[in-house]
Amino acid sequence: MKNKILTMMKSLILLFVFIALNNCSKQNNEDNNPLPEPPVATNEVDFWLTKADQSVKIQKQVGILAFKDSYNNYPNIEVNDAQTFQTVEGFGFSLTGGS
């Protein structure tokens, strides 16, 4: 009986090892929708450089400043002018160095 259980345990371990090794094999991940190619970067602006140590003074740069389209991921804040709240007075002095 003990020998039978030992044989079953060995078989199960062998099965799990086989499944694990089979799942670790290289898989072909061909996608029908390939990623689009990134757009070619072009200079949209001319820019000049001046360094603080004055090693470069107003020198036009030839590097590319590429700007990409970005999407607004932040929520929009809409202000309703018709809705008013309580007015607060007296912050001016504390904001302009009154402390």
PDB file of N, CA and C in Angstrom:
ATOM      1  N   MET A   1       0.823  -1.196   0.000  1.00  0.00           N
ATOM      2  CA  MET A   1       0.000   0.000   0.000  1.00  0.00           C
ATOM      3  C   MET A   1       0.871   1.265   0.000  1.00  0.00           C
ATOM      4  N   LYS A   2       1.910   1.237   0.851  1.00  0.00           N
ATOM      5  CA  LYS A   2       2.796   2.382   0.942  1.00  0.00           C
ATOM      6  C   LYS A   2       3.533   2.585  -0.386  1.00  0.00           C
ATOM      7  N   ASN A   3       3.894   1.507  -1.039  1.00  0.00           N
ATOM      8  CA  ASN A   3       4.592   1.562  -2.320  1.00  0.00           C
ATOM      9  C   ASN A   3       3.686   2.144  -3.407  1.00  0.00           C
ATOM     10  N   LYS A   4       2.399   1.830  -3.338  1.00  0.00           N
ATOM     11  CA  LYS A   4       1.433   2.335  -4.316  1.00  0.00           C
ATOM     12  C   LYS A   4       1.264   3.855  -4.174  1.00  0.00           C
ATOM     13  N   ILE A   5       1.196   4.331  -2.929  1.00  0.00           N
ATOM     14  CA  ILE A   5       1.050   5.771  -2.672  1.00  0.00           C
ATOM     15  C   ILE A   5       2.306   6.510  -3.140  1.00  0.00           C
ATOM     16  N   LEU A   6       3.467   5.904  -2.875  1.00  0.00           N
ATOM     17  CA  LEU A   6       4.720   6.512  -3.293  1.00  0.00           C
ATOM     18  C   LEU A   6       4.800   6.618  -4.812  1.00  0.00           C
ATOM     19  N   THR A   7       4.346   5.610  -5.515  1.00  0.00           N
ATOM     20  CA  THR A   7       4.342   5.618  -6.974  1.00  0.00           C
ATOM     21  C   THR A   7       3.390   6.686  -7.503  1.00  0.00           C
ATOM     22  N   MET A   8       2.224   6.825  -6.874  1.00  0.00           N
ATOM     23  CA  MET A   8       1.259   7.859  -7.294  1.00  0.00           C
ATOM     24  C   MET A   8       1.828   9.257  -7.056  1.00  0.00           C
ATOM     25  N   MET A   9       2.507   9.447  -5.917  1.00  0.00           N
ATOM     26  CA  MET A   9       3.091  10.754  -5.612  1.00  0.00           C
ATOM     27  C   MET A   9       4.174  11.108  -6.637  1.00  0.00           C
ATOM     28  N   LYS A  10       5.004  10.125  -6.986  1.00  0.00           N
ATOM     29  CA  LYS A  10       6.039  10.361  -7.988  1.00  0.00           C
ATOM     30  C   LYS A  10       5.419  10.710  -9.334  1.00  0.00           C
ATOM     31  N   SER A  11       4.341  10.014  -9.677  1.00  0.00           N
ATOM     32  CA  SER A  11       3.666  10.282 -10.949  1.00  0.00           C
ATOM     33  C   SER A  11       3.081  11.690 -10.967  1.00  0.00           C
ATOM     34  N   LEU A  12       2.457  12.099  -9.858  1.00  0.00           N
ATOM     35  CA  LEU A  12       1.881  13.446  -9.779  1.00  0.00           C
ATOM     36  C   LEU A  12       2.970  14.519  -9.856  1.00  0.00           C
ATOM     37  N   ILE A  13       4.070  14.303  -9.161  1.00  0.00           N
ATOM     38  CA  ILE A  13       5.165  15.273  -9.200  1.00  0.00           C
ATOM     39  C   ILE A  13       5.717  15.373 -10.612  1.00  0.00           C
ATOM     40  N   LEU A  14       5.896  14.226 -11.270  1.00  0.00           N
ATOM     41  CA  LEU A  14       6.379  14.219 -12.645  1.00  0.00           C
ATOM     42  C   LEU A  14       5.411  14.956 -13.569  1.00  0.00           C
ATOM     43  N   LEU A  15       4.109  14.759 -13.354  1.00  0.00           N
ATOM     44  CA  LEU A  15       3.097  15.434 -14.161  1.00  0.00           C
ATOM     45  C   LEU A  15       3.169  16.948 -13.966  1.00  0.00           C
ATOM     46  N   PHE A  16       3.286  17.403 -12.713  1.00  0.00           N
ATOM     47  CA  PHE A  16       3.376  18.837 -12.442  1.00  0.00           C
ATOM     48  C   PHE A  16       4.644  19.441 -13.041  1.00  0.00           C
ATOM     49  N   VAL A  17       5.758  18.718 -12.960  1.00  0.00           N
ATOM     50  CA  VAL A  17       7.004  19.208 -13.549  1.00  0.00           C
ATOM     51  C   VAL A  17       6.858  19.311 -15.062  1.00  0.00           C
ATOM     52  N   PHE A  18       6.245  18.321 -15.678  1.00  0.00           N
ATOM     53  CA  PHE A  18       6.034  18.349 -17.126  1.00  0.00           C
ATOM     54  C   PHE A  18       5.157  19.531 -17.531  1.00  0.00           C
ATOM     55  N   ILE A  19       4.075  19.751 -16.787  1.00  0.00           N
ATOM     56  CA  ILE A  19       3.174  20.875 -17.099  1.00  0.00           C
ATOM     57  C   ILE A  19       3.909  22.204 -16.928  1.00  0.00           C
ATOM     58  N   ALA A  20       4.691  22.330 -15.851  1.00  0.00           N
ATOM     59  CA  ALA A  20       5.419  23.577 -15.612  1.00  0.00           C
ATOM     60  C   ALA A  20       6.436  23.837 -16.713  1.00  0.00           C
ATOM     61  N   LEU A  21       7.175  22.810 -17.108  1.00  0.00           N
ATOM     62  CA  LEU A  21       8.169  22.994 -18.163  1.00  0.00           C
ATOM     63  C   LEU A  21       7.516  23.262 -19.511  1.00  0.00           C
ATOM     64  N   ASN A  22       6.380  22.667 -19.746  1.00  0.00           N
ATOM     65  CA  ASN A  22       5.671  22.886 -21.002  1.00  0.00           C
ATOM     66  C   ASN A  22       5.155  24.323 -21.091  1.00  0.00           C
ATOM     67  N   ASN A  23       4.703  24.876 -19.977  1.00  0.00           N
ATOM     68  CA  ASN A  23       4.194  26.250 -19.970  1.00  0.00           C
ATOM     69  C   ASN A  23       5.317  27.279 -20.038  1.00  0.00           C
ATOM     70  N   CYS A  24       6.527  26.887 -19.701  1.00  0.00           N
ATOM     71  CA  CYS A  24       7.663  27.803 -19.760  1.00  0.00           C
ATOM     72  C   CYS A  24       8.300  27.846 -21.137  1.00  0.00           C
ATOM     73  N   SER A  25       7.817  27.068 -22.055  1.00  0.00           N
ATOM     74  CA  SER A  25       8.415  27.051 -23.384  1.00  0.00           C
ATOM     75  C   SER A  25       8.092  28.339 -24.125  1.00  0.00           C
ATOM     76  N   LYS A  26       8.881  28.634 -25.145  1.00  0.00           N
ATOM     77  CA  LYS A  26       8.675  29.841 -25.930  1.00  0.00           C
ATOM     78  C   LYS A  26       7.390  29.707 -26.734  1.00  0.00           C
ATOM     79  N   GLN A  27       6.576  30.717 -26.637  1.00  0.00           N
ATOM     80  CA  GLN A  27       5.309  30.699 -27.361  1.00  0.00           C
ATOM     81  C   GLN A  27       5.365  31.699 -28.496  1.00  0.00           C
ATOM     82  N   ASN A  28       4.678  31.388 -29.557  1.00  0.00           N
ATOM     83  CA  ASN A  28       4.606  32.280 -30.700  1.00  0.00           C
ATOM     84  C   ASN A  28       3.484  33.281 -30.443  1.00  0.00           C
ATOM     85  N   ASN A  29       3.852  34.530 -30.243  1.00  0.00           N
ATOM     86  CA  ASN A  29       2.862  35.565 -29.939  1.00  0.00           C
ATOM     87  C   ASN A  29       2.642  36.473 -31.136  1.00  0.00           C
ATOM     88  N   GLU A  30       2.387  35.889 -32.280  1.00  0.00           N
ATOM     89  CA  GLU A  30       2.114  36.713 -33.452  1.00  0.00           C
ATOM     90  C   GLU A  30       0.786  37.428 -33.250  1.00  0.00           C
ATOM     91  N   ASP A  31       0.827  38.701 -33.468  1.00  0.00           N
ATOM     92  CA  ASP A  31      -0.372  39.512 -33.294  1.00  0.00           C
ATOM     93  C   ASP A  31      -0.850  39.961 -34.666  1.00  0.00           C
ATOM     94  N   ASN A  32      -2.130  39.839 -34.879  1.00  0.00           N
ATOM     95  CA  ASN A  32      -2.686  40.270 -36.161  1.00  0.00           C
ATOM     96  C   ASN A  32      -2.687  41.788 -36.290  1.00  0.00           C
ATOM     97  N   ASN A  33      -2.620  42.488 -35.162  1.00  0.00           N
ATOM     98  CA  ASN A  33      -2.611  43.950 -35.157  1.00  0.00           C
ATOM     99  C   ASN A  33      -1.261  44.430 -34.635  1.00  0.00           C
ATOM    100  N   PRO A  34      -0.276  44.572 -35.502  1.00  0.00           N
ATOM    101  CA  PRO A  34       1.037  45.020 -35.019  1.00  0.00           C
ATOM    102  C   PRO A  34       0.965  46.462 -34.532  1.00  0.00           C
ATOM    103  N   LEU A  35       1.907  46.815 -33.658  1.00  0.00           N
ATOM    104  CA  LEU A  35       1.945  48.174 -33.135  1.00  0.00           C
ATOM    105  C   LEU A  35       2.283  49.152 -34.248  1.00  0.00           C
ATOM    106  N   PRO A  36       1.646  50.317 -34.251  1.00  0.00           N
ATOM    107  CA  PRO A  36       1.968  51.307 -35.284  1.00  0.00           C
ATOM    108  C   PRO A  36       3.376  51.851 -35.061  1.00  0.00           C
ATOM    109  N   GLU A  37       4.020  52.220 -36.140  1.00  0.00           N
ATOM    110  CA  GLU A  37       5.364  52.767 -36.045  1.00  0.00           C
ATOM    111  C   GLU A  37       5.295  54.168 -35.453  1.00  0.00           C
ATOM    112  N   PRO A  38       6.258  54.518 -34.598  1.00  0.00           N
ATOM    113  CA  PRO A  38       6.236  55.861 -34.022  1.00  0.00           C
ATOM    114  C   PRO A  38       6.462  56.909 -35.102  1.00  0.00           C
ATOM    115  N   PRO A  39       5.871  58.085 -34.938  1.00  0.00           N
ATOM    116  CA  PRO A  39       6.041  59.127 -35.954  1.00  0.00           C
ATOM    117  C   PRO A  39       7.485  59.625 -35.977  1.00  0.00           C
ATOM    118  N   VAL A  40       7.888  60.111 -37.121  1.00  0.00           N
ATOM    119  CA  VAL A  40       9.234  60.655 -37.281  1.00  0.00           C
ATOM    120  C   VAL A  40       9.303  61.981 -36.535  1.00  0.00           C
ATOM    121  N   ALA A  41      10.330  62.125 -35.710  1.00  0.00           N
ATOM    122  CA  ALA A  41      10.470  63.343 -34.921  1.00  0.00           C
ATOM    123  C   ALA A  41      11.038  64.456 -35.788  1.00  0.00           C
ATOM    124  N   THR A  42      10.392  65.591 -35.752  1.00  0.00           N
ATOM    125  CA  THR A  42      10.873  66.765 -36.473  1.00  0.00           C
ATOM    126  C   THR A  42      10.910  67.939 -35.510  1.00  0.00           C
ATOM    127  N   ASN A  43      11.769  68.888 -35.808  1.00  0.00           N
ATOM    128  CA  ASN A  43      11.828  70.078 -34.972  1.00  0.00           C
ATOM    129  C   ASN A  43      10.611  70.948 -35.233  1.00  0.00           C
ATOM    130  N   GLU A  44       9.880  71.219 -34.196  1.00  0.00           N
ATOM    131  CA  GLU A  44       8.727  72.100 -34.313  1.00  0.00           C
ATOM    132  C   GLU A  44       9.073  73.510 -33.865  1.00  0.00           C
ATOM    133  N   VAL A  45      10.215  73.645 -33.201  1.00  0.00           N
ATOM    134  CA  VAL A  45      10.640  74.954 -32.701  1.00  0.00           C
ATOM    135  C   VAL A  45      12.145  75.098 -32.909  1.00  0.00           C
ATOM    136  N   ASP A  46      12.596  76.334 -32.996  1.00  0.00           N
ATOM    137  CA  ASP A  46      14.024  76.624 -32.977  1.00  0.00           C
ATOM    138  C   ASP A  46      14.358  77.059 -31.559  1.00  0.00           C
ATOM    139  N   PHE A  47      15.499  76.613 -31.051  1.00  0.00           N
ATOM    140  CA  PHE A  47      15.846  77.001 -29.693  1.00  0.00           C
ATOM    141  C   PHE A  47      17.339  77.257 -29.586  1.00  0.00           C
ATOM    142  N   TRP A  48      17.686  78.140 -28.657  1.00  0.00           N
ATOM    143  CA  TRP A  48      19.054  78.564 -28.441  1.00  0.00           C
ATOM    144  C   TRP A  48      19.438  78.252 -27.004  1.00  0.00           C
ATOM    145  N   LEU A  49      20.745  78.121 -26.766  1.00  0.00           N
ATOM    146  CA  LEU A  49      21.239  77.740 -25.447  1.00  0.00           C
ATOM    147  C   LEU A  49      22.278  78.737 -24.969  1.00  0.00           C
ATOM    148  N   THR A  50      22.156  79.118 -23.708  1.00  0.00           N
ATOM    149  CA  THR A  50      23.176  79.893 -23.018  1.00  0.00           C
ATOM    150  C   THR A  50      23.417  79.208 -21.684  1.00  0.00           C
ATOM    151  N   LYS A  51      24.688  78.886 -21.386  1.00  0.00           N
ATOM    152  CA  LYS A  51      25.023  78.219 -20.128  1.00  0.00           C
ATOM    153  C   LYS A  51      25.417  79.252 -19.088  1.00  0.00           C
ATOM    154  N   ALA A  52      25.228  78.914 -17.834  1.00  0.00           N
ATOM    155  CA  ALA A  52      25.524  79.837 -16.744  1.00  0.00           C
ATOM    156  C   ALA A  52      27.014  80.144 -16.653  1.00  0.00           C
ATOM    157  N   ASP A  53      27.864  79.168 -17.009  1.00  0.00           N
ATOM    158  CA  ASP A  53      29.308  79.416 -16.947  1.00  0.00           C
ATOM    159  C   ASP A  53      29.819  80.143 -18.190  1.00  0.00           C
ATOM    160  N   GLN A  54      28.936  80.535 -19.077  1.00  0.00           N
ATOM    161  CA  GLN A  54      29.203  81.294 -20.296  1.00  0.00           C
ATOM    162  C   GLN A  54      30.121  80.557 -21.265  1.00  0.00           C
ATOM    163  N   SER A  55      30.148  79.220 -21.181  1.00  0.00           N
ATOM    164  CA  SER A  55      30.904  78.451 -22.172  1.00  0.00           C
ATOM    165  C   SER A  55      30.155  78.411 -23.496  1.00  0.00           C
ATOM    166  N   VAL A  56      28.861  78.612 -23.443  1.00  0.00           N
ATOM    167  CA  VAL A  56      28.027  78.696 -24.643  1.00  0.00           C
ATOM    168  C   VAL A  56      27.151  79.925 -24.478  1.00  0.00           C
ATOM    169  N   LYS A  57      27.162  80.806 -25.472  1.00  0.00           N
ATOM    170  CA  LYS A  57      26.348  82.017 -25.402  1.00  0.00           C
ATOM    171  C   LYS A  57      25.441  82.087 -26.618  1.00  0.00           C
ATOM    172  N   ILE A  58      24.168  82.027 -26.396  1.00  0.00           N
ATOM    173  CA  ILE A  58      23.129  82.141 -27.417  1.00  0.00           C
ATOM    174  C   ILE A  58      23.524  81.370 -28.682  1.00  0.00           C
ATOM    175  N   GLN A  59      23.662  80.072 -28.522  1.00  0.00           N
ATOM    176  CA  GLN A  59      24.039  79.206 -29.639  1.00  0.00           C
ATOM    177  C   GLN A  59      22.817  78.401 -30.071  1.00  0.00           C
ATOM    178  N   LYS A  60      22.511  78.471 -31.362  1.00  0.00           N
ATOM    179  CA  LYS A  60      21.354  77.745 -31.881  1.00  0.00           C
ATOM    180  C   LYS A  60      21.625  76.246 -31.790  1.00  0.00           C
ATOM    181  N   GLN A  61      20.651  75.509 -31.299  1.00  0.00           N
ATOM    182  CA  GLN A  61      20.784  74.072 -31.111  1.00  0.00           C
ATOM    183  C   GLN A  61      20.180  73.339 -32.298  1.00  0.00           C
ATOM    184  N   VAL A  62      20.835  72.260 -32.692  1.00  0.00           N
ATOM    185  CA  VAL A  62      20.352  71.484 -33.831  1.00  0.00           C
ATOM    186  C   VAL A  62      19.644  70.208 -33.386  1.00  0.00           C
ATOM    187  N   GLY A  63      19.610  69.949 -32.094  1.00  0.00           N
ATOM    188  CA  GLY A  63      18.915  68.764 -31.590  1.00  0.00           C
ATOM    189  C   GLY A  63      17.426  68.855 -31.861  1.00  0.00           C
ATOM    190  N   ILE A  64      16.772  67.740 -31.759  1.00  0.00           N
ATOM    191  CA  ILE A  64      15.341  67.689 -32.056  1.00  0.00           C
ATOM    192  C   ILE A  64      14.550  67.745 -30.757  1.00  0.00           C
ATOM    193  N   LEU A  65      13.652  68.691 -30.679  1.00  0.00           N
ATOM    194  CA  LEU A  65      12.673  68.738 -29.598  1.00  0.00           C
ATOM    195  C   LEU A  65      11.380  68.182 -30.163  1.00  0.00           C
ATOM    196  N   ALA A  66      11.101  66.950 -29.867  1.00  0.00           N
ATOM    197  CA  ALA A  66       9.906  66.314 -30.416  1.00  0.00           C
ATOM    198  C   ALA A  66       8.801  66.358 -29.375  1.00  0.00           C
ATOM    199  N   PHE A  67       7.674  66.867 -29.761  1.00  0.00           N
ATOM    200  CA  PHE A  67       6.515  66.916 -28.890  1.00  0.00           C
ATOM    201  C   PHE A  67       5.510  65.902 -29.388  1.00  0.00           C
ATOM    202  N   LYS A  68       4.926  65.183 -28.464  1.00  0.00           N
ATOM    203  CA  LYS A  68       3.939  64.189 -28.860  1.00  0.00           C
ATOM    204  C   LYS A  68       2.559  64.645 -28.406  1.00  0.00           C
ATOM    205  N   ASP A  69       1.558  64.104 -29.057  1.00  0.00           N
ATOM    206  CA  ASP A  69       0.194  64.394 -28.646  1.00  0.00           C
ATOM    207  C   ASP A  69      -0.058  63.714 -27.311  1.00  0.00           C
ATOM    208  N   SER A  70      -0.559  64.466 -26.370  1.00  0.00           N
ATOM    209  CA  SER A  70      -0.885  63.872 -25.080  1.00  0.00           C
ATOM    210  C   SER A  70      -2.373  64.064 -24.828  1.00  0.00           C
ATOM    211  N   TYR A  71      -2.906  63.143 -24.118  1.00  0.00           N
ATOM    212  CA  TYR A  71      -4.327  63.169 -23.836  1.00  0.00           C
ATOM    213  C   TYR A  71      -4.544  63.615 -22.401  1.00  0.00           C
ATOM    214  N   ASN A  72      -5.626  64.315 -22.176  1.00  0.00           N
ATOM    215  CA  ASN A  72      -5.957  64.793 -20.851  1.00  0.00           C
ATOM    216  C   ASN A  72      -6.515  63.634 -20.040  1.00  0.00           C
ATOM    217  N   ASN A  73      -5.728  63.162 -19.073  1.00  0.00           N
ATOM    218  CA  ASN A  73      -6.178  62.085 -18.204  1.00  0.00           C
ATOM    219  C   ASN A  73      -6.774  62.619 -16.913  1.00  0.00           C
ATOM    220  N   TYR A  74      -6.786  63.920 -16.766  1.00  0.00           N
ATOM    221  CA  TYR A  74      -7.287  64.527 -15.550  1.00  0.00           C
ATOM    222  C   TYR A  74      -8.747  64.939 -15.739  1.00  0.00           C
ATOM    223  N   PRO A  75      -9.494  64.957 -14.658  1.00  0.00           N
ATOM    224  CA  PRO A  75     -10.896  65.362 -14.796  1.00  0.00           C
ATOM    225  C   PRO A  75     -10.997  66.853 -15.109  1.00  0.00           C
ATOM    226  N   ASN A  76     -11.975  67.201 -15.893  1.00  0.00           N
ATOM    227  CA  ASN A  76     -12.219  68.603 -16.214  1.00  0.00           C
ATOM    228  C   ASN A  76     -12.984  69.250 -15.075  1.00  0.00           C
ATOM    229  N   ILE A  77     -12.614  70.470 -14.747  1.00  0.00           N
ATOM    230  CA  ILE A  77     -13.314  71.234 -13.716  1.00  0.00           C
ATOM    231  C   ILE A  77     -14.166  72.265 -14.421  1.00  0.00           C
ATOM    232  N   GLU A  78     -15.446  72.154 -14.235  1.00  0.00           N
ATOM    233  CA  GLU A  78     -16.365  73.094 -14.863  1.00  0.00           C
ATOM    234  C   GLU A  78     -16.880  74.054 -13.801  1.00  0.00           C
ATOM    235  N   VAL A  79     -16.824  75.347 -14.105  1.00  0.00           N
ATOM    236  CA  VAL A  79     -17.252  76.380 -13.172  1.00  0.00           C
ATOM    237  C   VAL A  79     -18.612  76.885 -13.609  1.00  0.00           C
ATOM    238  N   ASN A  80     -19.545  76.868 -12.680  1.00  0.00           N
ATOM    239  CA  ASN A  80     -20.891  77.368 -12.931  1.00  0.00           C
ATOM    240  C   ASN A  80     -20.971  78.775 -12.351  1.00  0.00           C
ATOM    241  N   ASP A  81     -20.992  79.797 -13.210  1.00  0.00           N
ATOM    242  CA  ASP A  81     -21.043  81.184 -12.748  1.00  0.00           C
ATOM    243  C   ASP A  81     -22.357  81.529 -12.069  1.00  0.00           C
ATOM    244  N   ALA A  82     -23.394  80.776 -12.327  1.00  0.00           N
ATOM    245  CA  ALA A  82     -24.699  81.076 -11.743  1.00  0.00           C
ATOM    246  C   ALA A  82     -24.765  80.675 -10.276  1.00  0.00           C
ATOM    247  N   GLN A  83     -23.913  79.755  -9.841  1.00  0.00           N
ATOM    248  CA  GLN A  83     -23.946  79.293  -8.456  1.00  0.00           C
ATOM    249  C   GLN A  83     -22.910  80.072  -7.655  1.00  0.00           C
ATOM    250  N   THR A  84     -23.355  80.713  -6.562  1.00  0.00           N
ATOM    251  CA  THR A  84     -22.439  81.494  -5.731  1.00  0.00           C
ATOM    252  C   THR A  84     -22.357  80.881  -4.346  1.00  0.00           C
ATOM    253  N   PHE A  85     -21.230  81.139  -3.686  1.00  0.00           N
ATOM    254  CA  PHE A  85     -21.003  80.645  -2.340  1.00  0.00           C
ATOM    255  C   PHE A  85     -20.705  81.825  -1.436  1.00  0.00           C
ATOM    256  N   GLN A  86     -20.538  81.557  -0.166  1.00  0.00           N
ATOM    257  CA  GLN A  86     -20.253  82.604   0.801  1.00  0.00           C
ATOM    258  C   GLN A  86     -18.898  83.235   0.490  1.00  0.00           C
ATOM    259  N   THR A  87     -18.830  84.571   0.529  1.00  0.00           N
ATOM    260  CA  THR A  87     -17.568  85.256   0.277  1.00  0.00           C
ATOM    261  C   THR A  87     -16.748  85.295   1.558  1.00  0.00           C
ATOM    262  N   VAL A  88     -15.445  85.261   1.395  1.00  0.00           N
ATOM    263  CA  VAL A  88     -14.536  85.299   2.536  1.00  0.00           C
ATOM    264  C   VAL A  88     -13.624  86.495   2.345  1.00  0.00           C
ATOM    265  N   GLU A  89     -13.468  87.289   3.392  1.00  0.00           N
ATOM    266  CA  GLU A  89     -12.597  88.453   3.327  1.00  0.00           C
ATOM    267  C   GLU A  89     -11.505  88.318   4.376  1.00  0.00           C
ATOM    268  N   GLY A  90     -10.375  88.964   4.137  1.00  0.00           N
ATOM    269  CA  GLY A  90      -9.332  89.014   5.147  1.00  0.00           C
ATOM    270  C   GLY A  90      -8.141  88.124   4.877  1.00  0.00           C
ATOM    271  N   PHE A  91      -8.046  87.504   3.720  1.00  0.00           N
ATOM    272  CA  PHE A  91      -6.883  86.670   3.433  1.00  0.00           C
ATOM    273  C   PHE A  91      -5.731  87.468   2.838  1.00  0.00           C
ATOM    274  N   GLY A  92      -5.974  88.650   2.352  1.00  0.00           N
ATOM    275  CA  GLY A  92      -4.955  89.407   1.639  1.00  0.00           C
ATOM    276  C   GLY A  92      -3.707  89.672   2.452  1.00  0.00           C
ATOM    277  N   PHE A  93      -3.869  90.119   3.700  1.00  0.00           N
ATOM    278  CA  PHE A  93      -2.714  90.467   4.525  1.00  0.00           C
ATOM    279  C   PHE A  93      -1.877  89.228   4.842  1.00  0.00           C
ATOM    280  N   SER A  94      -2.535  88.108   5.091  1.00  0.00           N
ATOM    281  CA  SER A  94      -1.783  86.899   5.450  1.00  0.00           C
ATOM    282  C   SER A  94      -1.074  86.298   4.238  1.00  0.00           C
ATOM    283  N   LEU A  95      -1.579  86.527   3.050  1.00  0.00           N
ATOM    284  CA  LEU A  95      -0.943  85.984   1.855  1.00  0.00           C
ATOM    285  C   LEU A  95       0.185  86.865   1.340  1.00  0.00           C
ATOM    286  N   THR A  96       0.216  88.126   1.746  1.00  0.00           N
ATOM    287  CA  THR A  96       1.236  89.046   1.223  1.00  0.00           C
ATOM    288  C   THR A  96       2.349  89.316   2.227  1.00  0.00           C
ATOM    289  N   GLY A  97       2.545  88.440   3.186  1.00  0.00           N
ATOM    290  CA  GLY A  97       3.675  88.602   4.101  1.00  0.00           C
ATOM    291  C   GLY A  97       3.313  89.244   5.414  1.00  0.00           C
ATOM    292  N   GLY A  98       2.119  89.095   5.889  1.00  0.00           N
ATOM    293  CA  GLY A  98       1.716  89.702   7.147  1.00  0.00           C
ATOM    294  C   GLY A  98       2.199  88.937   8.365  1.00  0.00           C
ATOM    295  N   SER A  99       2.758  87.759   8.178  1.00  0.00           N
ATOM    296  CA  SER A  99       3.177  86.976   9.351  1.00  0.00           C
ATOM    297  C   SER A  99       4.572  87.328   9.807  1.00  0.00           C
TER     298      SER A  99
END
